[in-house]
């Protein structure tokens, strides 16, 4: 079953595209005394972390950074200019929601900070549950604005009768919360989306242990850099007392 509900879902959260973008950190780069400096700044422009790359092409720096209240890696890689189309890339992981970010930044020529552009990137976080194998959930390609992508729940129990996918504008705080903690007897099954921002994306009858969900990503420039999250759930009688299994989460940074 195809479900083209991203626009409806985003509107239903009472968040504007501008609100989504305003919450995001961004990457900047500059050149100081022959050394490239890249930094990640929060929405207020406060430097969250700066990493330095010495003179030379083809080098790579990986240093720990404090992002979202925990330690996560920041990658700042410089390759041959022709290979990067006169751009550098900066990757980092925001521990809040475990979202992987990728930015394309211009080659700096002065000490003036230059802002980069967010790149479409997806990543998984959390884990699925299931007696035989954990339910897996993944997107088929990066969530580029103006494209249609497929999110697929796989390794579903053979007893699964229906699966559903949800979309949210925020991940559950911390490590998510277990269904058992809210009175649903489904051991080791967790929710990784913030319930207050969740909306049903669609339902499907599993075939061969898999259920695909089609997602149309609007070609809206205002959504550049916005982040959305998704998770799948399935009714699987006999898998546990509640007959419910959940997947890992998928975070998606939307960009052209």
C-alpha atoms as a PDB file:
ATOM      1  CA  UNK A   1       0.000   0.000   0.000  1.00  0.00           C
ATOM      2  CA  UNK A   2       1.365   3.464  -0.915  1.00  0.00           C
ATOM      3  CA  UNK A   3       0.959   6.382   1.444  1.00  0.00           C
ATOM      4  CA  UNK A   4       1.841   9.905   0.316  1.00  0.00           C
ATOM      5  CA  UNK A   5       1.316  11.617   3.633  1.00  0.00           C
ATOM      6  CA  UNK A   6       4.502  13.500   4.458  1.00  0.00           C
ATOM      7  CA  UNK A   7       3.006  16.924   3.759  1.00  0.00           C
ATOM      8  CA  UNK A   8      -0.134  16.121   5.751  1.00  0.00           C
ATOM      9  CA  UNK A   9       1.944  14.712   8.598  1.00  0.00           C
ATOM     10  CA  UNK A  10       4.183  17.751   8.834  1.00  0.00           C
ATOM     11  CA  UNK A  11       1.182  20.082   8.886  1.00  0.00           C
ATOM     12  CA  UNK A  12      -0.592  17.970  11.507  1.00  0.00           C
ATOM     13  CA  UNK A  13       2.204  18.536  14.019  1.00  0.00           C
ATOM     14  CA  UNK A  14       1.481  22.294  14.124  1.00  0.00           C
ATOM     15  CA  UNK A  15       5.130  22.896  13.247  1.00  0.00           C
ATOM     16  CA  UNK A  16       6.009  25.162  10.338  1.00  0.00           C
ATOM     17  CA  UNK A  17       8.959  24.353   8.092  1.00  0.00           C
ATOM     18  CA  UNK A  18      10.737  27.383   9.551  1.00  0.00           C
ATOM     19  CA  UNK A  19      10.280  25.977  13.054  1.00  0.00           C
ATOM     20  CA  UNK A  20      11.837  22.672  12.017  1.00  0.00           C
ATOM     21  CA  UNK A  21      14.863  24.334  10.464  1.00  0.00           C
ATOM     22  CA  UNK A  22      15.392  26.723  13.367  1.00  0.00           C
ATOM     23  CA  UNK A  23      16.013  23.783  15.692  1.00  0.00           C
ATOM     24  CA  UNK A  24      18.936  22.446  13.686  1.00  0.00           C
ATOM     25  CA  UNK A  25      22.640  22.991  14.193  1.00  0.00           C
ATOM     26  CA  UNK A  26      24.750  23.968  11.199  1.00  0.00           C
ATOM     27  CA  UNK A  27      28.328  23.640   9.986  1.00  0.00           C
ATOM     28  CA  UNK A  28      30.677  26.491   9.074  1.00  0.00           C
ATOM     29  CA  UNK A  29      34.265  26.639   7.824  1.00  0.00           C
ATOM     30  CA  UNK A  30      37.086  29.222   7.563  1.00  0.00           C
ATOM     31  CA  UNK A  31      40.839  29.503   6.888  1.00  0.00           C
ATOM     32  CA  UNK A  32      43.163  30.879   9.597  1.00  0.00           C
ATOM     33  CA  UNK A  33      46.941  31.066   9.085  1.00  0.00           C
ATOM     34  CA  UNK A  34      46.878  28.211   6.596  1.00  0.00           C
ATOM     35  CA  UNK A  35      44.744  25.967   8.821  1.00  0.00           C
ATOM     36  CA  UNK A  36      41.154  25.042   7.984  1.00  0.00           C
ATOM     37  CA  UNK A  37      38.767  25.358  10.915  1.00  0.00           C
ATOM     38  CA  UNK A  38      35.320  23.803  10.813  1.00  0.00           C
ATOM     39  CA  UNK A  39      32.732  24.279  13.506  1.00  0.00           C
ATOM     40  CA  UNK A  40      29.225  23.237  14.398  1.00  0.00           C
ATOM     41  CA  UNK A  41      27.044  25.999  15.811  1.00  0.00           C
ATOM     42  CA  UNK A  42      23.676  25.840  17.508  1.00  0.00           C
ATOM     43  CA  UNK A  43      20.647  27.823  16.275  1.00  0.00           C
ATOM     44  CA  UNK A  44      21.757  30.836  18.350  1.00  0.00           C
ATOM     45  CA  UNK A  45      25.181  30.822  16.666  1.00  0.00           C
ATOM     46  CA  UNK A  46      27.043  29.459  19.702  1.00  0.00           C
ATOM     47  CA  UNK A  47      30.073  27.313  18.837  1.00  0.00           C
ATOM     48  CA  UNK A  48      29.275  23.736  19.847  1.00  0.00           C
ATOM     49  CA  UNK A  49      32.484  22.182  18.577  1.00  0.00           C
ATOM     50  CA  UNK A  50      35.434  23.166  16.410  1.00  0.00           C
ATOM     51  CA  UNK A  51      37.795  20.776  14.617  1.00  0.00           C
ATOM     52  CA  UNK A  52      41.007  21.738  12.841  1.00  0.00           C
ATOM     53  CA  UNK A  53      42.541  20.385   9.632  1.00  0.00           C
ATOM     54  CA  UNK A  54      46.186  21.163   8.953  1.00  0.00           C
ATOM     55  CA  UNK A  55      47.600  22.344   5.661  1.00  0.00           C
ATOM     56  CA  UNK A  56      47.366  19.783   2.863  1.00  0.00           C
ATOM     57  CA  UNK A  57      44.867  17.905   0.763  1.00  0.00           C
ATOM     58  CA  UNK A  58      43.734  14.341   1.299  1.00  0.00           C
ATOM     59  CA  UNK A  59      43.962  14.371   5.080  1.00  0.00           C
ATOM     60  CA  UNK A  60      41.265  13.417   7.563  1.00  0.00           C
ATOM     61  CA  UNK A  61      40.641  14.337  11.188  1.00  0.00           C
ATOM     62  CA  UNK A  62      38.445  12.451  13.619  1.00  0.00           C
ATOM     63  CA  UNK A  63      38.069  13.851  17.121  1.00  0.00           C
ATOM     64  CA  UNK A  64      35.532  13.307  19.909  1.00  0.00           C
ATOM     65  CA  UNK A  65      32.964  16.049  20.386  1.00  0.00           C
ATOM     66  CA  UNK A  66      30.331  16.891  22.960  1.00  0.00           C
ATOM     67  CA  UNK A  67      27.028  17.076  21.111  1.00  0.00           C
ATOM     68  CA  UNK A  68      23.559  16.701  22.527  1.00  0.00           C
ATOM     69  CA  UNK A  69      24.910  15.972  25.989  1.00  0.00           C
ATOM     70  CA  UNK A  70      27.100  12.994  25.092  1.00  0.00           C
ATOM     71  CA  UNK A  71      30.315  12.106  23.323  1.00  0.00           C
ATOM     72  CA  UNK A  72      30.022  11.412  19.596  1.00  0.00           C
ATOM     73  CA  UNK A  73      32.400  11.481  16.626  1.00  0.00           C
ATOM     74  CA  UNK A  74      32.905  14.409  14.331  1.00  0.00           C
ATOM     75  CA  UNK A  75      34.483  13.738  10.947  1.00  0.00           C
ATOM     76  CA  UNK A  76      36.076  16.492   8.931  1.00  0.00           C
ATOM     77  CA  UNK A  77      37.546  15.184   5.705  1.00  0.00           C
ATOM     78  CA  UNK A  78      39.458  17.018   2.988  1.00  0.00           C
ATOM     79  CA  UNK A  79      39.929  15.245  -0.320  1.00  0.00           C
ATOM     80  CA  UNK A  80      41.124  16.343  -3.782  1.00  0.00           C
ATOM     81  CA  UNK A  81      39.030  19.334  -4.821  1.00  0.00           C
ATOM     82  CA  UNK A  82      37.978  17.728  -8.088  1.00  0.00           C
ATOM     83  CA  UNK A  83      36.575  14.758  -6.157  1.00  0.00           C
ATOM     84  CA  UNK A  84      34.557  17.004  -3.861  1.00  0.00           C
ATOM     85  CA  UNK A  85      33.421  19.493  -6.506  1.00  0.00           C
ATOM     86  CA  UNK A  86      35.280  22.236  -4.665  1.00  0.00           C
ATOM     87  CA  UNK A  87      33.487  21.343  -1.461  1.00  0.00           C
ATOM     88  CA  UNK A  88      34.454  19.723   1.805  1.00  0.00           C
ATOM     89  CA  UNK A  89      32.098  17.531   3.817  1.00  0.00           C
ATOM     90  CA  UNK A  90      31.518  17.499   7.559  1.00  0.00           C
ATOM     91  CA  UNK A  91      29.741  14.619   9.266  1.00  0.00           C
ATOM     92  CA  UNK A  92      28.614  14.372  12.846  1.00  0.00           C
ATOM     93  CA  UNK A  93      26.180  12.471  15.032  1.00  0.00           C
ATOM     94  CA  UNK A  94      23.805  14.351  17.287  1.00  0.00           C
ATOM     95  CA  UNK A  95      23.253  12.135  20.304  1.00  0.00           C
ATOM     96  CA  UNK A  96      19.806  13.627  20.806  1.00  0.00           C
ATOM     97  CA  UNK A  97      17.867  11.271  18.567  1.00  0.00           C
ATOM     98  CA  UNK A  98      21.090   9.691  17.296  1.00  0.00           C
ATOM     99  CA  UNK A  99      20.728  11.642  14.055  1.00  0.00           C
ATOM    100  CA  UNK A 100      23.592  11.549  11.595  1.00  0.00           C
ATOM    101  CA  UNK A 101      24.246  14.860   9.843  1.00  0.00           C
ATOM    102  CA  UNK A 102      26.229  15.633   6.699  1.00  0.00           C
ATOM    103  CA  UNK A 103      27.056  19.114   5.471  1.00  0.00           C
ATOM    104  CA  UNK A 104      28.719  20.317   2.297  1.00  0.00           C
ATOM    105  CA  UNK A 105      30.886  23.381   2.960  1.00  0.00           C
ATOM    106  CA  UNK A 106      32.814  25.616   0.556  1.00  0.00           C
ATOM    107  CA  UNK A 107      36.594  25.634   0.402  1.00  0.00           C
ATOM    108  CA  UNK A 108      37.558  28.567   2.662  1.00  0.00           C
ATOM    109  CA  UNK A 109      39.846  31.333   1.429  1.00  0.00           C
ATOM    110  CA  UNK A 110      39.750  33.729   4.387  1.00  0.00           C
ATOM    111  CA  UNK A 111      39.070  33.961   8.120  1.00  0.00           C
ATOM    112  CA  UNK A 112      35.394  34.730   7.477  1.00  0.00           C
ATOM    113  CA  UNK A 113      33.100  31.912   8.533  1.00  0.00           C
ATOM    114  CA  UNK A 114      31.241  30.388   5.566  1.00  0.00           C
ATOM    115  CA  UNK A 115      28.040  28.412   6.131  1.00  0.00           C
ATOM    116  CA  UNK A 116      27.549  25.004   4.549  1.00  0.00           C
ATOM    117  CA  UNK A 117      24.464  23.364   3.116  1.00  0.00           C
ATOM    118  CA  UNK A 118      22.727  20.405   4.716  1.00  0.00           C
ATOM    119  CA  UNK A 119      22.844  17.196   2.689  1.00  0.00           C
ATOM    120  CA  UNK A 120      20.134  14.535   2.684  1.00  0.00           C
ATOM    121  CA  UNK A 121      21.155  11.656   4.926  1.00  0.00           C
ATOM    122  CA  UNK A 122      19.394   8.886   6.831  1.00  0.00           C
ATOM    123  CA  UNK A 123      20.500   6.749   9.754  1.00  0.00           C
ATOM    124  CA  UNK A 124      19.036   4.087  12.016  1.00  0.00           C
ATOM    125  CA  UNK A 125      18.951   4.128  15.794  1.00  0.00           C
ATOM    126  CA  UNK A 126      17.623   1.900  18.529  1.00  0.00           C
ATOM    127  CA  UNK A 127      16.714  -1.719  17.822  1.00  0.00           C
ATOM    128  CA  UNK A 128      13.812  -3.949  16.893  1.00  0.00           C
ATOM    129  CA  UNK A 129      12.319  -6.783  18.928  1.00  0.00           C
ATOM    130  CA  UNK A 130      11.140 -10.310  18.107  1.00  0.00           C
ATOM    131  CA  UNK A 131      11.573 -13.878  19.372  1.00  0.00           C
ATOM    132  CA  UNK A 132      13.278 -15.244  16.264  1.00  0.00           C
ATOM    133  CA  UNK A 133      14.901 -12.090  14.899  1.00  0.00           C
ATOM    134  CA  UNK A 134      14.576  -8.366  15.624  1.00  0.00           C
ATOM    135  CA  UNK A 135      12.350  -6.401  13.268  1.00  0.00           C
ATOM    136  CA  UNK A 136      14.481  -4.243  10.974  1.00  0.00           C
ATOM    137  CA  UNK A 137      13.423  -0.940   9.446  1.00  0.00           C
ATOM    138  CA  UNK A 138      15.327   0.941   6.735  1.00  0.00           C
ATOM    139  CA  UNK A 139      14.948   3.468   3.926  1.00  0.00           C
ATOM    140  CA  UNK A 140      15.994   2.566   0.374  1.00  0.00           C
ATOM    141  CA  UNK A 141      17.852   5.825  -0.417  1.00  0.00           C
ATOM    142  CA  UNK A 142      18.690   9.185   1.114  1.00  0.00           C
ATOM    143  CA  UNK A 143      15.609  11.413   1.711  1.00  0.00           C
ATOM    144  CA  UNK A 144      16.198  13.963  -1.050  1.00  0.00           C
ATOM    145  CA  UNK A 145      13.533  16.648  -1.379  1.00  0.00           C
ATOM    146  CA  UNK A 146      11.308  16.076  -4.395  1.00  0.00           C
ATOM    147  CA  UNK A 147      11.697  12.284  -4.442  1.00  0.00           C
ATOM    148  CA  UNK A 148       9.712   9.229  -3.380  1.00  0.00           C
ATOM    149  CA  UNK A 149      11.388   6.847  -0.960  1.00  0.00           C
ATOM    150  CA  UNK A 150      10.425   3.439   0.440  1.00  0.00           C
ATOM    151  CA  UNK A 151      10.733   2.570   4.109  1.00  0.00           C
ATOM    152  CA  UNK A 152      10.582  -1.206   4.644  1.00  0.00           C
ATOM    153  CA  UNK A 153       9.993  -3.208   7.800  1.00  0.00           C
ATOM    154  CA  UNK A 154      11.636  -6.620   7.385  1.00  0.00           C
ATOM    155  CA  UNK A 155      12.282  -9.750   9.475  1.00  0.00           C
ATOM    156  CA  UNK A 156       8.666  -9.553  10.614  1.00  0.00           C
ATOM    157  CA  UNK A 157       7.355 -12.649  12.435  1.00  0.00           C
ATOM    158  CA  UNK A 158       5.497 -15.153  10.266  1.00  0.00           C
ATOM    159  CA  UNK A 159       2.427 -14.558  12.435  1.00  0.00           C
ATOM    160  CA  UNK A 160       2.274 -10.857  11.539  1.00  0.00           C
ATOM    161  CA  UNK A 161      -1.141  -9.884  10.209  1.00  0.00           C
ATOM    162  CA  UNK A 162      -0.679  -6.135   9.707  1.00  0.00           C
ATOM    163  CA  UNK A 163       2.136  -3.611  10.007  1.00  0.00           C
ATOM    164  CA  UNK A 164       2.029   0.162  10.417  1.00  0.00           C
ATOM    165  CA  UNK A 165       4.566   2.941  10.082  1.00  0.00           C
ATOM    166  CA  UNK A 166       4.629   6.176  12.041  1.00  0.00           C
ATOM    167  CA  UNK A 167       6.248   9.531  11.361  1.00  0.00           C
ATOM    168  CA  UNK A 168       7.346  12.075  13.979  1.00  0.00           C
ATOM    169  CA  UNK A 169       9.177  15.372  14.196  1.00  0.00           C
ATOM    170  CA  UNK A 170      11.058  14.321  17.319  1.00  0.00           C
ATOM    171  CA  UNK A 171      12.706  11.192  18.665  1.00  0.00           C
ATOM    172  CA  UNK A 172      11.792   9.840  22.084  1.00  0.00           C
ATOM    173  CA  UNK A 173      14.030  11.368  24.753  1.00  0.00           C
ATOM    174  CA  UNK A 174      16.946   9.361  26.038  1.00  0.00           C
ATOM    175  CA  UNK A 175      16.910   5.739  24.929  1.00  0.00           C
ATOM    176  CA  UNK A 176      13.210   5.642  24.134  1.00  0.00           C
ATOM    177  CA  UNK A 177      10.719   3.840  26.344  1.00  0.00           C
ATOM    178  CA  UNK A 178       9.664   0.213  26.593  1.00  0.00           C
ATOM    179  CA  UNK A 179       6.113  -0.935  25.905  1.00  0.00           C
ATOM    180  CA  UNK A 180       6.291  -2.963  29.111  1.00  0.00           C
ATOM    181  CA  UNK A 181       6.764   0.262  31.070  1.00  0.00           C
ATOM    182  CA  UNK A 182       3.364   1.489  29.872  1.00  0.00           C
ATOM    183  CA  UNK A 183       1.534  -1.772  30.566  1.00  0.00           C
ATOM    184  CA  UNK A 184       1.921  -3.506  27.184  1.00  0.00           C
ATOM    185  CA  UNK A 185       3.450  -6.948  27.746  1.00  0.00           C
ATOM    186  CA  UNK A 186       5.936  -6.942  24.879  1.00  0.00           C
ATOM    187  CA  UNK A 187       9.380  -7.512  26.403  1.00  0.00           C
ATOM    188  CA  UNK A 188      12.339  -5.709  24.787  1.00  0.00           C
ATOM    189  CA  UNK A 189      10.032  -3.770  22.440  1.00  0.00           C
ATOM    190  CA  UNK A 190      10.648  -0.022  22.530  1.00  0.00           C
ATOM    191  CA  UNK A 191       9.155   3.171  21.111  1.00  0.00           C
ATOM    192  CA  UNK A 192      11.802   5.479  19.658  1.00  0.00           C
ATOM    193  CA  UNK A 193       9.503   8.326  18.562  1.00  0.00           C
ATOM    194  CA  UNK A 194       8.195  11.182  20.689  1.00  0.00           C
ATOM    195  CA  UNK A 195       4.501  10.232  21.125  1.00  0.00           C
ATOM    196  CA  UNK A 196       3.279  13.847  21.133  1.00  0.00           C
ATOM    197  CA  UNK A 197       4.535  14.344  17.560  1.00  0.00           C
ATOM    198  CA  UNK A 198       3.622  10.953  16.094  1.00  0.00           C
ATOM    199  CA  UNK A 199       1.227  10.505  13.193  1.00  0.00           C
ATOM    200  CA  UNK A 200       0.234   7.338  11.369  1.00  0.00           C
ATOM    201  CA  UNK A 201       2.046   7.147   8.028  1.00  0.00           C
ATOM    202  CA  UNK A 202       0.257   4.057   6.738  1.00  0.00           C
ATOM    203  CA  UNK A 203      -0.526   0.388   7.087  1.00  0.00           C
ATOM    204  CA  UNK A 204       0.334  -2.707   5.051  1.00  0.00           C
ATOM    205  CA  UNK A 205      -0.185  -6.457   5.072  1.00  0.00           C
ATOM    206  CA  UNK A 206       3.248  -8.131   5.372  1.00  0.00           C
ATOM    207  CA  UNK A 207       4.335 -10.370   2.516  1.00  0.00           C
ATOM    208  CA  UNK A 208       7.281 -12.709   3.006  1.00  0.00           C
ATOM    209  CA  UNK A 209       8.132 -11.079   6.304  1.00  0.00           C
ATOM    210  CA  UNK A 210       8.331  -7.568   4.867  1.00  0.00           C
ATOM    211  CA  UNK A 211       6.058  -4.525   4.671  1.00  0.00           C
ATOM    212  CA  UNK A 212       6.977  -1.503   2.489  1.00  0.00           C
ATOM    213  CA  UNK A 213       5.750   2.052   3.051  1.00  0.00           C
ATOM    214  CA  UNK A 214       6.026   4.687   0.327  1.00  0.00           C
ATOM    215  CA  UNK A 215       6.952   8.218   1.364  1.00  0.00           C
ATOM    216  CA  UNK A 216       6.782  11.244  -0.910  1.00  0.00           C
ATOM    217  CA  UNK A 217       9.260  13.922   0.198  1.00  0.00           C
ATOM    218  CA  UNK A 218       7.999  17.342  -0.910  1.00  0.00           C
ATOM    219  CA  UNK A 219      10.187  19.494  -3.163  1.00  0.00           C
ATOM    220  CA  UNK A 220       9.915  22.366  -0.682  1.00  0.00           C
ATOM    221  CA  UNK A 221      13.034  24.544  -0.200  1.00  0.00           C
ATOM    222  CA  UNK A 222      11.728  25.559   3.234  1.00  0.00           C
ATOM    223  CA  UNK A 223      12.245  21.947   4.404  1.00  0.00           C
ATOM    224  CA  UNK A 224      15.995  22.027   3.670  1.00  0.00           C
ATOM    225  CA  UNK A 225      17.715  20.635   6.771  1.00  0.00           C
ATOM    226  CA  UNK A 226      14.505  19.573   8.539  1.00  0.00           C
ATOM    227  CA  UNK A 227      14.634  16.260  10.435  1.00  0.00           C
ATOM    228  CA  UNK A 228      11.857  13.674  10.689  1.00  0.00           C
ATOM    229  CA  UNK A 229      11.793  10.257  12.333  1.00  0.00           C
ATOM    230  CA  UNK A 230       9.961   7.019  11.584  1.00  0.00           C
ATOM    231  CA  UNK A 231       9.328   3.634  13.193  1.00  0.00           C
ATOM    232  CA  UNK A 232       7.276   0.546  12.333  1.00  0.00           C
ATOM    233  CA  UNK A 233       5.101  -1.726  14.456  1.00  0.00           C
ATOM    234  CA  UNK A 234       3.304  -4.993  13.662  1.00  0.00           C
ATOM    235  CA  UNK A 235       0.567  -7.108  15.185  1.00  0.00           C
ATOM    236  CA  UNK A 236       2.013 -10.599  15.553  1.00  0.00           C
ATOM    237  CA  UNK A 237      -0.175 -12.940  17.648  1.00  0.00           C
ATOM    238  CA  UNK A 238       1.826 -15.348  19.762  1.00  0.00           C
ATOM    239  CA  UNK A 239       5.108 -13.448  19.444  1.00  0.00           C
ATOM    240  CA  UNK A 240       4.641 -12.232  23.012  1.00  0.00           C
ATOM    241  CA  UNK A 241       1.719 -11.763  25.398  1.00  0.00           C
ATOM    242  CA  UNK A 242       0.671  -8.515  23.713  1.00  0.00           C
ATOM    243  CA  UNK A 243       1.156  -9.849  20.189  1.00  0.00           C
ATOM    244  CA  UNK A 244       3.086  -6.717  19.203  1.00  0.00           C
ATOM    245  CA  UNK A 245       6.582  -6.173  17.794  1.00  0.00           C
ATOM    246  CA  UNK A 246       8.401  -2.927  17.039  1.00  0.00           C
ATOM    247  CA  UNK A 247      11.313  -1.943  14.819  1.00  0.00           C
ATOM    248  CA  UNK A 248      14.330   0.281  15.224  1.00  0.00           C
ATOM    249  CA  UNK A 249      13.938   3.961  14.383  1.00  0.00           C
ATOM    250  CA  UNK A 250      15.028   5.782  11.243  1.00  0.00           C
ATOM    251  CA  UNK A 251      16.036   9.433  11.287  1.00  0.00           C
ATOM    252  CA  UNK A 252      15.964  11.455   8.060  1.00  0.00           C
ATOM    253  CA  UNK A 253      17.553  14.821   7.343  1.00  0.00           C
ATOM    254  CA  UNK A 254      15.654  16.274   4.364  1.00  0.00           C
ATOM    255  CA  UNK A 255      17.690  18.200   1.798  1.00  0.00           C
ATOM    256  CA  UNK A 256      18.214  18.697  -1.925  1.00  0.00           C
END
